[in-house]
Amino acid sequence: MTTVDPTAGIAAASSCSVKESLIVANPASSLTAIPSIRRRLYGLCVVVSLAVLLLIHLNNSSLLQVNAYVPLIVATMLAIGLAGAEWEVALQRHAAERQARLAELERSEFHAVERQRTFNRLWQVLADSRGKASLPAEALDMLAQLFGADLVAVWSVTEESEAFRLRGVQPAEAANASRLEKIAQASPCFERLRGVQRDLHVTNFARETSQALGLFCEERNLQEAMLCPVLVRQEMVGVLAFFYQGKPELSAKVREELQSAANLLLCAL
């Protein structure tokens, strides 16, 4: 009777399986590949068990005439193989999740560095435009991209009459600029902002700003806005406004960055 070592067969099969199912570079694809890895390992265990059973059958006239109870041996071997397969799947899932966390951390760090570079560039552009009648389009475009706004506008307070004068708008359309200039001068858009002296999340323009600004936003399907005061010694000298057609993500960190962007306008105002 030929002696069969099922452990050696399982070890060899498991080694091949491990080599074939290495985690790929993309963490997301690694996680989605887990079910296929499990199916391959399960199938491999079943094939090895059936091969051992067939080999014993070919070398013995009857399975029940051998010294050991063959079905129990094969079932035990299959159970051990399946347990090993589950362990391998668990290891690969853990490695893929860890890789995904590291990739997310790297993306967050990269975005933070890029945002800081953009803020540095914004400060330089604003400093170079100091004393000019209007803010450069590059600065307004950077503000819109930084915070995903559909429309960005900046007003400054004139020293003579304390009226609001538009210093720039993005998108730079003449119709937008003309309307916003008149709205700020003819309606009390920012009286509430002057009172709170901190960023104001506007969801109802007619109630929180003015009817004129509410009509302007309704015509352009602008649903919400963030108004950030530009302050000098607790006195409002300007307003930076971000308008959104949808609902923006306004975490505490984002709102802090919004106010920091408003503070940078002091370079130009």
Protein backbone atom coordinates (compact mmCIF):
# COMPACT_ATOMS: atom_id res chain seq x y z
CA MET A 1 0.00 0.00 0.00
CA THR A 2 1.36 3.41 -0.99
CA THR A 3 1.78 5.89 1.83
CA VAL A 4 0.36 9.32 1.17
CA ASP A 5 1.44 12.43 3.11
CA PRO A 6 -1.53 14.83 2.89
CA THR A 7 0.28 17.47 4.95
CA ALA A 8 2.97 17.89 2.33
CA GLY A 9 0.36 18.31 -0.38
CA ILE A 10 -1.53 20.95 1.56
CA ALA A 11 1.68 22.82 2.41
CA ALA A 12 2.76 22.91 -1.22
CA ALA A 13 -0.68 23.99 -2.38
CA SER A 14 -0.91 26.70 0.27
CA SER A 15 2.53 28.01 -0.68
CA CYS A 16 1.50 28.32 -4.32
CA SER A 17 -1.73 30.00 -3.31
CA VAL A 18 0.07 32.57 -1.19
CA LYS A 19 2.36 33.46 -4.07
CA GLU A 20 -0.53 33.80 -6.50
CA SER A 21 -2.70 35.97 -4.22
CA LEU A 22 -0.26 38.67 -3.18
CA ILE A 23 -1.84 42.01 -2.40
CA VAL A 24 -1.82 44.36 -5.34
CA ALA A 25 -0.67 47.95 -5.13
CA ASN A 26 -4.15 49.42 -5.11
CA PRO A 27 -5.71 48.96 -1.63
CA ALA A 28 -9.27 49.24 -2.95
CA SER A 29 -8.74 46.47 -5.49
CA SER A 30 -7.10 44.35 -2.78
CA LEU A 31 -10.24 44.50 -0.64
CA THR A 32 -12.52 43.71 -3.58
CA ALA A 33 -10.28 40.73 -4.49
CA ILE A 34 -10.82 39.04 -1.10
CA PRO A 35 -13.89 36.98 -2.22
CA SER A 36 -12.06 35.64 -5.28
CA ILE A 37 -9.05 34.77 -3.13
CA ARG A 38 -11.33 32.85 -0.74
CA ARG A 39 -12.92 30.95 -3.63
CA ARG A 40 -9.51 29.98 -5.04
CA LEU A 41 -8.24 28.77 -1.67
CA TYR A 42 -11.44 26.82 -0.93
CA GLY A 43 -11.33 25.23 -4.35
CA LEU A 44 -7.67 24.33 -3.87
CA CYS A 45 -8.42 22.65 -0.53
CA VAL A 46 -11.25 20.62 -2.04
CA VAL A 47 -9.11 19.55 -5.02
CA VAL A 48 -6.25 18.46 -2.74
CA SER A 49 -8.64 16.49 -0.51
CA LEU A 50 -10.27 14.76 -3.47
CA ALA A 51 -6.87 14.00 -4.96
CA VAL A 52 -5.72 12.36 -1.73
CA LEU A 53 -8.97 10.37 -1.56
CA LEU A 54 -8.58 9.25 -5.18
CA LEU A 55 -4.96 8.27 -4.63
CA ILE A 56 -5.89 6.13 -1.61
CA HIS A 57 -8.74 4.55 -3.59
CA LEU A 58 -6.43 3.64 -6.47
CA ASN A 59 -4.02 1.92 -4.13
CA ASN A 60 -6.70 0.05 -2.08
CA SER A 61 -9.50 -2.17 -3.29
CA SER A 62 -11.87 -0.83 -0.65
CA LEU A 63 -11.74 2.36 1.36
CA LEU A 64 -13.07 0.55 4.41
CA GLN A 65 -10.32 -2.07 4.41
CA VAL A 66 -7.50 0.30 5.30
CA ASN A 67 -6.31 0.62 8.84
CA ALA A 68 -7.58 4.19 9.27
CA TYR A 69 -11.03 5.55 8.61
CA VAL A 70 -10.24 7.34 5.34
CA PRO A 71 -13.34 9.59 5.08
CA LEU A 72 -12.61 11.00 8.54
CA ILE A 73 -8.98 11.62 7.62
CA VAL A 74 -9.95 13.40 4.41
CA ALA A 75 -12.65 15.44 6.16
CA THR A 76 -10.18 16.46 8.86
CA MET A 77 -7.62 17.40 6.24
CA LEU A 78 -10.24 19.46 4.38
CA ALA A 79 -11.27 21.25 7.58
CA ILE A 80 -7.65 22.10 8.35
CA GLY A 81 -7.18 23.35 4.79
CA LEU A 82 -10.29 25.53 4.96
CA ALA A 83 -9.17 26.94 8.31
CA GLY A 84 -5.82 27.78 6.78
CA ALA A 85 -7.58 29.41 3.84
CA GLU A 86 -9.64 31.58 6.20
CA TRP A 87 -6.49 32.56 8.08
CA GLU A 88 -4.80 33.54 4.82
CA VAL A 89 -7.88 35.58 3.80
CA ALA A 90 -7.89 37.32 7.18
CA LEU A 91 -4.20 38.19 6.85
CA GLN A 92 -4.69 39.59 3.38
CA ARG A 93 -7.75 41.59 4.45
CA HIS A 94 -5.79 43.06 7.37
CA ALA A 95 -2.87 43.93 5.10
CA ALA A 96 -5.20 45.52 2.52
CA GLU A 97 -7.01 47.58 5.17
CA ARG A 98 -3.70 48.74 6.62
CA GLN A 99 -2.49 49.67 3.15
CA ALA A 100 -5.74 51.57 2.54
CA ARG A 101 -5.29 53.51 5.79
CA LEU A 102 -1.72 54.39 4.89
CA ALA A 103 -2.78 55.47 1.41
CA GLU A 104 -5.54 57.66 2.87
CA LEU A 105 -3.05 59.21 5.30
CA GLU A 106 -0.65 59.93 2.45
CA ARG A 107 -3.44 61.52 0.41
CA SER A 108 -4.45 63.68 3.37
CA GLU A 109 -0.88 64.81 3.92
CA PHE A 110 -0.45 65.54 0.22
CA HIS A 111 -3.67 67.60 0.11
CA ALA A 112 -2.62 69.49 3.23
CA VAL A 113 0.73 70.38 1.67
CA GLU A 114 -0.93 71.43 -1.59
CA ARG A 115 -3.45 73.61 0.26
CA GLN A 116 -0.66 75.27 2.20
CA ARG A 117 1.19 75.97 -1.03
CA THR A 118 -1.95 77.48 -2.50
CA PHE A 119 -2.40 79.66 0.60
CA ASN A 120 1.21 80.83 0.30
CA ARG A 121 0.73 81.64 -3.37
CA LEU A 122 -2.54 83.42 -2.56
CA TRP A 123 -0.81 85.58 0.04
CA GLN A 124 1.88 86.55 -2.48
CA VAL A 125 -0.65 87.43 -5.19
CA LEU A 126 -2.70 89.53 -2.77
CA ALA A 127 0.39 91.31 -1.47
CA ASP A 128 1.44 92.15 -5.02
CA SER A 129 -1.99 93.63 -5.75
CA ARG A 130 -2.00 95.96 -2.74
CA GLY A 131 -3.31 99.39 -3.63
CA LYS A 132 -5.09 98.28 -6.81
CA ALA A 133 -8.78 99.01 -7.33
CA SER A 134 -9.72 95.36 -7.86
CA LEU A 135 -8.38 92.03 -6.73
CA PRO A 136 -6.58 89.88 -9.31
CA ALA A 137 -8.61 87.16 -10.98
CA GLU A 138 -5.92 84.62 -10.07
CA ALA A 139 -6.55 85.17 -6.36
CA LEU A 140 -10.31 84.81 -6.71
CA ASP A 141 -9.90 81.70 -8.82
CA MET A 142 -7.65 80.13 -6.17
CA LEU A 143 -10.23 80.92 -3.49
CA ALA A 144 -12.99 79.30 -5.54
CA GLN A 145 -10.91 76.15 -6.10
CA LEU A 146 -9.73 75.92 -2.50
CA PHE A 147 -13.27 75.84 -1.11
CA GLY A 148 -15.24 74.49 -4.07
CA ALA A 149 -17.39 77.62 -4.36
CA ASP A 150 -19.57 78.35 -7.38
CA LEU A 151 -19.21 82.09 -6.92
CA VAL A 152 -16.73 84.16 -4.88
CA ALA A 153 -17.08 87.87 -4.18
CA VAL A 154 -15.06 90.39 -2.17
CA TRP A 155 -16.21 93.76 -0.88
CA SER A 156 -14.31 96.44 0.99
CA VAL A 157 -15.68 99.22 3.17
CA THR A 158 -14.99 102.75 1.95
CA GLU A 159 -13.58 105.06 4.61
CA GLU A 160 -15.73 108.03 3.62
CA SER A 161 -19.26 106.64 3.65
CA GLU A 162 -18.68 103.16 5.11
CA ALA A 163 -20.43 101.75 2.04
CA PHE A 164 -19.44 98.42 0.54
CA ARG A 165 -17.56 98.50 -2.74
CA LEU A 166 -17.10 95.37 -4.82
CA ARG A 167 -13.41 94.54 -5.28
CA GLY A 168 -13.77 91.37 -7.30
CA VAL A 169 -16.04 88.49 -8.29
CA GLN A 170 -15.42 85.04 -9.75
CA PRO A 171 -16.77 84.06 -12.30
CA ALA A 172 -15.83 87.48 -13.61
CA GLU A 173 -19.02 88.30 -15.49
CA ALA A 174 -20.01 91.93 -15.96
CA ALA A 175 -23.62 91.20 -15.01
CA ASN A 176 -22.56 89.63 -11.72
CA ALA A 177 -20.23 92.49 -10.86
CA SER A 178 -22.80 95.18 -11.64
CA ARG A 179 -25.59 93.50 -9.65
CA LEU A 180 -23.45 92.73 -6.62
CA GLU A 181 -22.07 96.27 -6.55
CA LYS A 182 -25.55 97.77 -6.49
CA ILE A 183 -26.93 95.21 -4.03
CA ALA A 184 -24.20 95.87 -1.46
CA GLN A 185 -24.62 99.63 -1.71
CA ALA A 186 -28.43 99.75 -1.73
CA SER A 187 -29.37 97.01 0.74
CA PRO A 188 -28.21 96.02 4.24
CA CYS A 189 -26.62 92.75 3.14
CA PHE A 190 -23.97 92.57 5.81
CA GLU A 191 -25.54 94.19 8.86
CA ARG A 192 -25.92 90.86 10.63
CA LEU A 193 -22.34 89.94 9.75
CA ARG A 194 -21.14 93.25 11.16
CA GLY A 195 -22.92 92.41 14.40
CA VAL A 196 -21.58 88.87 14.90
CA GLN A 197 -18.03 89.63 13.62
CA ARG A 198 -17.38 86.03 12.69
CA ASP A 199 -18.10 83.76 9.74
CA LEU A 200 -21.80 83.44 8.95
CA HIS A 201 -23.38 80.41 7.29
CA VAL A 202 -26.32 81.70 5.25
CA THR A 203 -29.11 79.36 4.23
CA ASN A 204 -31.95 81.90 4.00
CA PHE A 205 -30.70 84.93 2.08
CA ALA A 206 -33.85 87.02 2.43
CA ARG A 207 -33.85 86.70 6.22
CA GLU A 208 -30.13 86.69 6.96
CA THR A 209 -28.90 89.19 4.33
CA SER A 210 -31.36 91.12 2.16
CA GLN A 211 -34.18 90.58 -0.31
CA ALA A 212 -32.02 91.90 -3.16
CA LEU A 213 -29.19 89.46 -2.51
CA GLY A 214 -31.74 86.67 -2.05
CA LEU A 215 -33.22 87.39 -5.49
CA PHE A 216 -29.74 87.46 -7.04
CA CYS A 217 -28.92 84.04 -5.56
CA GLU A 218 -32.30 82.57 -6.51
CA GLU A 219 -31.78 83.57 -10.15
CA ARG A 220 -28.43 81.74 -10.17
CA ASN A 221 -29.60 78.75 -8.13
CA LEU A 222 -27.23 79.59 -5.28
CA GLN A 223 -28.58 77.78 -2.22
CA GLU A 224 -26.11 78.63 0.55
CA ALA A 225 -23.26 81.01 1.30
CA MET A 226 -20.43 81.56 3.75
CA LEU A 227 -19.79 85.19 4.65
CA CYS A 228 -16.43 85.89 6.28
CA PRO A 229 -15.66 89.33 7.74
CA VAL A 230 -12.30 91.00 7.22
CA LEU A 231 -11.58 92.57 10.59
CA VAL A 232 -9.09 95.17 11.84
CA ARG A 233 -9.26 95.89 15.58
CA GLN A 234 -12.78 94.42 15.74
CA GLU A 235 -13.89 96.71 12.90
CA MET A 236 -15.15 95.16 9.67
CA VAL A 237 -13.24 96.53 6.70
CA GLY A 238 -14.33 93.98 4.12
CA VAL A 239 -16.31 90.84 3.33
CA LEU A 240 -15.27 87.63 1.62
CA ALA A 241 -18.30 85.65 0.40
CA PHE A 242 -18.48 82.09 -0.94
CA PHE A 243 -21.71 81.07 -2.69
CA TYR A 244 -22.73 77.45 -3.34
CA GLN A 245 -25.36 75.85 -5.55
CA GLY A 246 -25.39 72.79 -3.30
CA LYS A 247 -24.75 72.06 0.34
CA PRO A 248 -21.06 72.61 1.15
CA GLU A 249 -19.05 70.57 3.63
CA LEU A 250 -18.41 73.01 6.46
CA SER A 251 -16.37 71.25 9.11
CA ALA A 252 -14.71 73.23 11.88
CA LYS A 253 -11.39 72.99 10.03
CA VAL A 254 -12.89 74.28 6.77
CA ARG A 255 -14.56 77.21 8.53
CA GLU A 256 -11.26 78.08 10.17
CA GLU A 257 -9.58 78.03 6.76
CA LEU A 258 -12.34 80.24 5.35
CA GLN A 259 -11.68 82.86 8.00
CA SER A 260 -7.92 82.54 7.43
CA ALA A 261 -8.49 83.27 3.73
CA ALA A 262 -10.51 86.35 4.72
CA ASN A 263 -7.65 87.51 6.95
CA LEU A 264 -5.25 87.21 4.01
CA LEU A 265 -7.30 89.86 2.19
CA LEU A 266 -5.81 92.44 4.55
CA CYS A 267 -2.73 92.25 2.31
CA ALA A 268 -4.73 93.76 -0.54
CA LEU A 269 -7.43 95.81 1.18
